[in-house]
């Protein structure tokens, strides 16, 4: 029985893909570093905005209670803005991930693995 991840689809007739060699390649490491930077950046942006919301909610209550329009307060506007920011960050990361996927397929094609590694 073939090891998991060594053959594609578990079919004996297909060629083996050396995933450990691909993972050790400089191109893969660059792609992984790029993905990691994007994730850390995205998380940092949202974490800073959410952390500021929490700090202001705890220590600047008069400011957060200020009315923007009727019953709409600064706190409500901030939390709604956080929701919009979260969606924008997800959307932008998904666009980035599509480009990253295309780059990874190109890397595999250059390595001679083409459609095998899909």
Protein backbone atom coordinates (compact mmCIF):
# COMPACT_ATOMS: atom_id res chain seq x y z
CA UNK A 1 0.00 0.00 0.00
CA UNK A 2 1.47 3.37 -0.96
CA UNK A 3 2.20 5.96 1.69
CA UNK A 4 -0.22 8.85 1.93
CA UNK A 5 0.92 11.84 -0.06
CA UNK A 6 3.49 9.92 -2.13
CA UNK A 7 1.22 8.97 -5.02
CA UNK A 8 -1.61 10.91 -6.49
CA UNK A 9 -5.05 9.45 -5.91
CA UNK A 10 -3.48 6.26 -4.57
CA UNK A 11 -3.13 4.85 -8.08
CA UNK A 12 -0.14 2.59 -8.54
CA UNK A 13 0.37 3.53 -12.21
CA UNK A 14 0.98 7.20 -11.59
CA UNK A 15 4.37 8.67 -10.85
CA UNK A 16 5.48 9.66 -7.39
CA UNK A 17 5.79 13.31 -6.50
CA UNK A 18 8.69 14.09 -4.14
CA UNK A 19 6.80 16.48 -1.87
CA UNK A 20 9.68 16.74 0.59
CA UNK A 21 12.05 17.83 -2.19
CA UNK A 22 9.53 20.41 -3.39
CA UNK A 23 9.08 21.71 0.17
CA UNK A 24 12.86 22.08 0.52
CA UNK A 25 13.24 24.06 -2.70
CA UNK A 26 14.11 27.77 -2.52
CA UNK A 27 11.11 28.70 -4.68
CA UNK A 28 8.70 26.95 -2.33
CA UNK A 29 10.30 28.61 0.66
CA UNK A 30 9.88 32.01 -1.02
CA UNK A 31 6.21 31.28 -1.68
CA UNK A 32 5.71 30.13 1.89
CA UNK A 33 7.44 33.25 3.25
CA UNK A 34 5.25 35.42 1.03
CA UNK A 35 2.11 33.65 2.30
CA UNK A 36 3.26 33.96 5.90
CA UNK A 37 3.97 37.70 5.52
CA UNK A 38 0.51 38.24 4.03
CA UNK A 39 -1.15 36.33 6.86
CA UNK A 40 0.82 38.15 9.57
CA UNK A 41 0.08 41.50 7.93
CA UNK A 42 -3.63 40.76 7.65
CA UNK A 43 -3.82 39.52 11.21
CA UNK A 44 -1.83 42.51 12.46
CA UNK A 45 -4.15 45.02 10.80
CA UNK A 46 -7.28 43.42 12.19
CA UNK A 47 -5.69 42.77 15.59
CA UNK A 48 -4.59 46.40 15.94
CA UNK A 49 -8.02 47.74 15.01
CA UNK A 50 -9.84 45.30 17.26
CA UNK A 51 -7.39 45.87 20.10
CA UNK A 52 -7.89 49.63 19.79
CA UNK A 53 -11.64 49.06 19.92
CA UNK A 54 -11.31 47.02 23.11
CA UNK A 55 -8.98 49.53 24.77
CA UNK A 56 -11.18 52.48 23.86
CA UNK A 57 -14.29 50.62 25.00
CA UNK A 58 -12.67 50.01 28.36
CA UNK A 59 -10.85 53.27 29.00
CA UNK A 60 -12.51 55.91 26.79
CA UNK A 61 -16.15 55.24 27.49
CA UNK A 62 -17.27 58.88 27.16
CA UNK A 63 -15.72 59.00 23.67
CA UNK A 64 -17.22 55.66 22.62
CA UNK A 65 -20.65 56.78 23.93
CA UNK A 66 -20.69 59.94 21.83
CA UNK A 67 -23.61 60.03 19.47
CA UNK A 68 -22.82 60.14 15.77
CA UNK A 69 -26.47 60.34 14.72
CA UNK A 70 -29.35 59.69 17.10
CA UNK A 71 -28.74 56.35 18.84
CA UNK A 72 -25.74 55.53 16.65
CA UNK A 73 -22.62 55.84 18.79
CA UNK A 74 -18.92 55.85 17.99
CA UNK A 75 -18.69 52.30 19.35
CA UNK A 76 -21.39 51.06 16.94
CA UNK A 77 -19.72 52.79 14.00
CA UNK A 78 -16.35 51.31 14.99
CA UNK A 79 -17.68 47.74 15.28
CA UNK A 80 -19.51 48.08 11.95
CA UNK A 81 -16.29 49.37 10.40
CA UNK A 82 -14.43 46.38 11.86
CA UNK A 83 -16.90 44.09 10.12
CA UNK A 84 -16.30 45.85 6.80
CA UNK A 85 -12.53 45.76 7.34
CA UNK A 86 -12.69 42.02 8.06
CA UNK A 87 -14.54 41.39 4.79
CA UNK A 88 -12.13 43.58 2.83
CA UNK A 89 -9.15 41.76 4.35
CA UNK A 90 -10.68 38.37 3.51
CA UNK A 91 -11.44 39.49 -0.04
CA UNK A 92 -7.93 40.86 -0.55
CA UNK A 93 -6.34 37.72 0.89
CA UNK A 94 -8.42 35.53 -1.42
CA UNK A 95 -7.23 37.55 -4.41
CA UNK A 96 -3.66 37.19 -3.14
CA UNK A 97 -4.16 33.44 -2.64
CA UNK A 98 -5.29 33.05 -6.25
CA UNK A 99 -2.07 34.71 -7.42
CA UNK A 100 -0.07 32.56 -5.01
CA UNK A 101 -1.74 29.43 -6.37
CA UNK A 102 -0.86 30.43 -9.93
CA UNK A 103 2.73 31.02 -8.84
CA UNK A 104 2.88 27.61 -7.15
CA UNK A 105 1.53 25.84 -10.25
CA UNK A 106 4.11 27.65 -12.36
CA UNK A 107 6.82 26.53 -9.94
CA UNK A 108 5.64 22.92 -10.22
CA UNK A 109 5.56 23.10 -14.02
CA UNK A 110 9.14 24.42 -14.06
CA UNK A 111 10.08 21.53 -11.80
CA UNK A 112 8.67 19.10 -14.34
CA UNK A 113 5.64 18.00 -12.33
CA UNK A 114 2.98 19.80 -14.39
CA UNK A 115 -0.48 18.33 -13.87
CA UNK A 116 0.79 15.52 -11.62
CA UNK A 117 0.83 17.65 -8.51
CA UNK A 118 -2.73 18.91 -8.70
